[in-house]
Amino acid sequence: MQSISFKETQIKNDQDSNVMRGFPVSSGSITAKASVILGPAEFDNMIAGSILVSPLTTPAWTQLFANAVGLVTDVGSILAHGSIVAREYGIPAVLGVGDGTKRIKHGQTITVEGDTGMVTIHENE
């Protein structure tokens, strides 16, 4: 049986670009503020109507999807928990961007392109 490493579930991106590439896992496009949530202790920081940005998701994270309008994760691909739940909720999702939780700031406006796998970080007004 072949194993998959984290390196195979994230895409290396140019640190100087405001666009990150990842795996397109749930179609659609959305521009909204980001809720950067690093773990369960930060679940209360989720802003309703925002794009959830996290290292990854597990079943414990599912409660956040009711308030999310999009999803971006550092690791993951088409069969990851986040991609399956994003499709169930009908929200655009891009997984495996590598370092989204470091580059995207909580409350910053981003655009998620779930059909192309692109995430654009907008400069704050």
C-alpha atoms as a PDB file:
ATOM      1  CA  MET A   1       0.000   0.000   0.000  1.00  0.00           C
ATOM      2  CA  GLN A   2       1.324   3.423  -0.970  1.00  0.00           C
ATOM      3  CA  SER A   3       1.220   6.202   1.612  1.00  0.00           C
ATOM      4  CA  ILE A   4       0.686   9.900   0.912  1.00  0.00           C
ATOM      5  CA  SER A   5       2.850  12.482   2.652  1.00  0.00           C
ATOM      6  CA  PHE A   6       1.789  16.020   3.563  1.00  0.00           C
ATOM      7  CA  LYS A   7       4.020  17.308   0.741  1.00  0.00           C
ATOM      8  CA  GLU A   8       1.698  15.543  -1.741  1.00  0.00           C
ATOM      9  CA  THR A   9      -1.360  17.250  -0.269  1.00  0.00           C
ATOM     10  CA  GLN A  10      -0.150  20.823  -0.539  1.00  0.00           C
ATOM     11  CA  ILE A  11       1.148  23.013  -3.322  1.00  0.00           C
ATOM     12  CA  LYS A  12       4.300  25.149  -3.054  1.00  0.00           C
ATOM     13  CA  ASN A  13       3.415  28.805  -3.689  1.00  0.00           C
ATOM     14  CA  ASP A  14       5.425  31.952  -4.384  1.00  0.00           C
ATOM     15  CA  GLN A  15       5.702  33.835  -1.090  1.00  0.00           C
ATOM     16  CA  ASP A  16       5.733  37.210  -2.865  1.00  0.00           C
ATOM     17  CA  SER A  17       2.484  36.684  -4.771  1.00  0.00           C
ATOM     18  CA  ASN A  18      -0.981  37.606  -3.499  1.00  0.00           C
ATOM     19  CA  VAL A  19      -2.340  34.517  -5.286  1.00  0.00           C
ATOM     20  CA  MET A  20      -2.012  31.005  -3.887  1.00  0.00           C
ATOM     21  CA  ARG A  21      -2.740  27.787  -5.764  1.00  0.00           C
ATOM     22  CA  GLY A  22      -4.279  24.721  -4.224  1.00  0.00           C
ATOM     23  CA  PHE A  23      -6.523  21.821  -5.127  1.00  0.00           C
ATOM     24  CA  PRO A  24      -9.977  22.876  -6.418  1.00  0.00           C
ATOM     25  CA  VAL A  25     -12.315  20.609  -4.435  1.00  0.00           C
ATOM     26  CA  SER A  26     -15.709  22.361  -4.314  1.00  0.00           C
ATOM     27  CA  SER A  27     -16.872  24.625  -7.122  1.00  0.00           C
ATOM     28  CA  GLY A  28     -17.936  28.235  -6.990  1.00  0.00           C
ATOM     29  CA  SER A  29     -16.363  31.589  -6.257  1.00  0.00           C
ATOM     30  CA  ILE A  30     -16.676  33.790  -3.187  1.00  0.00           C
ATOM     31  CA  THR A  31     -15.058  36.981  -1.900  1.00  0.00           C
ATOM     32  CA  ALA A  32     -15.404  37.556   1.835  1.00  0.00           C
ATOM     33  CA  LYS A  33     -13.483  38.143   5.042  1.00  0.00           C
ATOM     34  CA  ALA A  34     -11.353  35.281   6.358  1.00  0.00           C
ATOM     35  CA  SER A  35     -11.707  33.547   9.700  1.00  0.00           C
ATOM     36  CA  VAL A  36      -8.277  32.073  10.405  1.00  0.00           C
ATOM     37  CA  ILE A  37      -8.869  29.280  12.900  1.00  0.00           C
ATOM     38  CA  LEU A  38      -5.845  27.219  13.973  1.00  0.00           C
ATOM     39  CA  GLY A  39      -7.541  24.754  16.310  1.00  0.00           C
ATOM     40  CA  PRO A  40     -10.609  23.913  18.399  1.00  0.00           C
ATOM     41  CA  ALA A  41      -9.622  26.431  21.098  1.00  0.00           C
ATOM     42  CA  GLU A  42     -10.248  29.185  18.491  1.00  0.00           C
ATOM     43  CA  PHE A  43     -13.669  27.986  17.239  1.00  0.00           C
ATOM     44  CA  ASP A  44     -15.324  30.958  19.002  1.00  0.00           C
ATOM     45  CA  ASN A  45     -13.369  33.302  16.679  1.00  0.00           C
ATOM     46  CA  MET A  46     -15.316  32.099  13.620  1.00  0.00           C
ATOM     47  CA  ILE A  47     -17.131  35.039  12.009  1.00  0.00           C
ATOM     48  CA  ALA A  48     -20.512  34.169  10.477  1.00  0.00           C
ATOM     49  CA  GLY A  49     -20.459  34.687   6.704  1.00  0.00           C
ATOM     50  CA  SER A  50     -16.674  34.387   6.434  1.00  0.00           C
ATOM     51  CA  ILE A  51     -14.287  32.016   4.681  1.00  0.00           C
ATOM     52  CA  LEU A  52     -12.841  29.422   7.054  1.00  0.00           C
ATOM     53  CA  VAL A  53      -9.039  29.274   6.747  1.00  0.00           C
ATOM     54  CA  SER A  54      -7.461  26.410   8.712  1.00  0.00           C
ATOM     55  CA  PRO A  55      -4.542  23.991   8.720  1.00  0.00           C
ATOM     56  CA  LEU A  56      -6.998  21.151   7.948  1.00  0.00           C
ATOM     57  CA  THR A  57     -10.408  19.993   9.158  1.00  0.00           C
ATOM     58  CA  THR A  58     -11.675  16.903  10.968  1.00  0.00           C
ATOM     59  CA  PRO A  59     -15.221  15.932  11.998  1.00  0.00           C
ATOM     60  CA  ALA A  60     -14.885  18.184  15.082  1.00  0.00           C
ATOM     61  CA  TRP A  61     -14.620  21.192  12.712  1.00  0.00           C
ATOM     62  CA  THR A  62     -17.932  20.445  10.946  1.00  0.00           C
ATOM     63  CA  GLN A  63     -19.841  22.787  13.289  1.00  0.00           C
ATOM     64  CA  LEU A  64     -17.975  25.752  11.709  1.00  0.00           C
ATOM     65  CA  PHE A  65     -19.247  25.007   8.200  1.00  0.00           C
ATOM     66  CA  ALA A  66     -22.753  26.266   9.083  1.00  0.00           C
ATOM     67  CA  ASN A  67     -21.255  29.791   9.361  1.00  0.00           C
ATOM     68  CA  ALA A  68     -18.712  29.514   6.511  1.00  0.00           C
ATOM     69  CA  VAL A  69     -19.178  30.751   2.932  1.00  0.00           C
ATOM     70  CA  GLY A  70     -15.920  29.159   1.734  1.00  0.00           C
ATOM     71  CA  LEU A  71     -12.963  27.047   2.850  1.00  0.00           C
ATOM     72  CA  VAL A  72      -9.178  27.226   2.466  1.00  0.00           C
ATOM     73  CA  THR A  73      -6.823  24.724   4.140  1.00  0.00           C
ATOM     74  CA  ASP A  74      -3.046  24.348   4.294  1.00  0.00           C
ATOM     75  CA  VAL A  75      -3.161  20.603   3.546  1.00  0.00           C
ATOM     76  CA  GLY A  76      -5.684  18.297   1.926  1.00  0.00           C
ATOM     77  CA  SER A  77      -7.023  17.265  -1.447  1.00  0.00           C
ATOM     78  CA  ILE A  78     -10.183  15.989  -3.132  1.00  0.00           C
ATOM     79  CA  LEU A  79     -10.946  13.227  -0.599  1.00  0.00           C
ATOM     80  CA  ALA A  80     -10.062  15.175   2.558  1.00  0.00           C
ATOM     81  CA  HIS A  81     -12.724  15.807   5.199  1.00  0.00           C
ATOM     82  CA  GLY A  82     -12.941  19.527   4.342  1.00  0.00           C
ATOM     83  CA  SER A  83     -13.571  18.931   0.651  1.00  0.00           C
ATOM     84  CA  ILE A  84     -16.361  16.436   1.304  1.00  0.00           C
ATOM     85  CA  VAL A  85     -18.119  18.690   3.825  1.00  0.00           C
ATOM     86  CA  ALA A  86     -17.643  21.804   1.649  1.00  0.00           C
ATOM     87  CA  ARG A  87     -19.394  20.006  -1.221  1.00  0.00           C
ATOM     88  CA  GLU A  88     -22.212  18.943   1.126  1.00  0.00           C
ATOM     89  CA  TYR A  89     -22.678  22.570   2.237  1.00  0.00           C
ATOM     90  CA  GLY A  90     -22.278  23.868  -1.332  1.00  0.00           C
ATOM     91  CA  ILE A  91     -19.460  26.283  -0.517  1.00  0.00           C
ATOM     92  CA  PRO A  92     -16.367  26.946  -2.680  1.00  0.00           C
ATOM     93  CA  ALA A  93     -13.207  25.301  -1.350  1.00  0.00           C
ATOM     94  CA  VAL A  94      -9.511  25.168  -2.160  1.00  0.00           C
ATOM     95  CA  LEU A  95      -7.346  22.793  -0.140  1.00  0.00           C
ATOM     96  CA  GLY A  96      -3.600  22.235   0.077  1.00  0.00           C
ATOM     97  CA  VAL A  97      -2.414  25.843  -0.366  1.00  0.00           C
ATOM     98  CA  GLY A  98       0.549  25.150   1.939  1.00  0.00           C
ATOM     99  CA  ASP A  99       0.732  28.178   4.212  1.00  0.00           C
ATOM    100  CA  GLY A 100      -2.615  29.954   4.001  1.00  0.00           C
ATOM    101  CA  THR A 101      -2.920  30.177   7.781  1.00  0.00           C
ATOM    102  CA  LYS A 102       0.369  32.101   7.890  1.00  0.00           C
ATOM    103  CA  ARG A 103      -0.210  34.393   4.894  1.00  0.00           C
ATOM    104  CA  ILE A 104      -3.903  35.202   5.368  1.00  0.00           C
ATOM    105  CA  LYS A 105      -4.788  37.398   8.343  1.00  0.00           C
ATOM    106  CA  HIS A 106      -7.974  36.989  10.396  1.00  0.00           C
ATOM    107  CA  GLY A 107     -10.536  39.451   9.008  1.00  0.00           C
ATOM    108  CA  GLN A 108      -8.656  40.017   5.725  1.00  0.00           C
ATOM    109  CA  THR A 109     -10.656  39.881   2.477  1.00  0.00           C
ATOM    110  CA  ILE A 110      -9.848  36.948   0.198  1.00  0.00           C
ATOM    111  CA  THR A 111     -11.354  35.376  -2.919  1.00  0.00           C
ATOM    112  CA  VAL A 112     -11.717  31.601  -3.232  1.00  0.00           C
ATOM    113  CA  GLU A 113     -12.053  30.152  -6.739  1.00  0.00           C
ATOM    114  CA  GLY A 114     -13.275  26.607  -6.154  1.00  0.00           C
ATOM    115  CA  ASP A 115     -13.204  25.759  -9.868  1.00  0.00           C
ATOM    116  CA  THR A 116      -9.588  26.792 -10.544  1.00  0.00           C
ATOM    117  CA  GLY A 117      -7.929  26.237  -7.165  1.00  0.00           C
ATOM    118  CA  MET A 118      -6.874  29.868  -6.796  1.00  0.00           C
ATOM    119  CA  VAL A 119      -7.019  31.940  -3.606  1.00  0.00           C
ATOM    120  CA  THR A 120      -6.408  35.686  -3.899  1.00  0.00           C
ATOM    121  CA  ILE A 121      -5.398  37.731  -0.875  1.00  0.00           C
ATOM    122  CA  HIS A 122      -6.688  41.308  -1.130  1.00  0.00           C
ATOM    123  CA  GLU A 123      -4.807  44.225   0.378  1.00  0.00           C
ATOM    124  CA  ASN A 124      -6.759  45.800   3.220  1.00  0.00           C
ATOM    125  CA  GLU A 125      -8.532  48.984   2.201  1.00  0.00           C
END
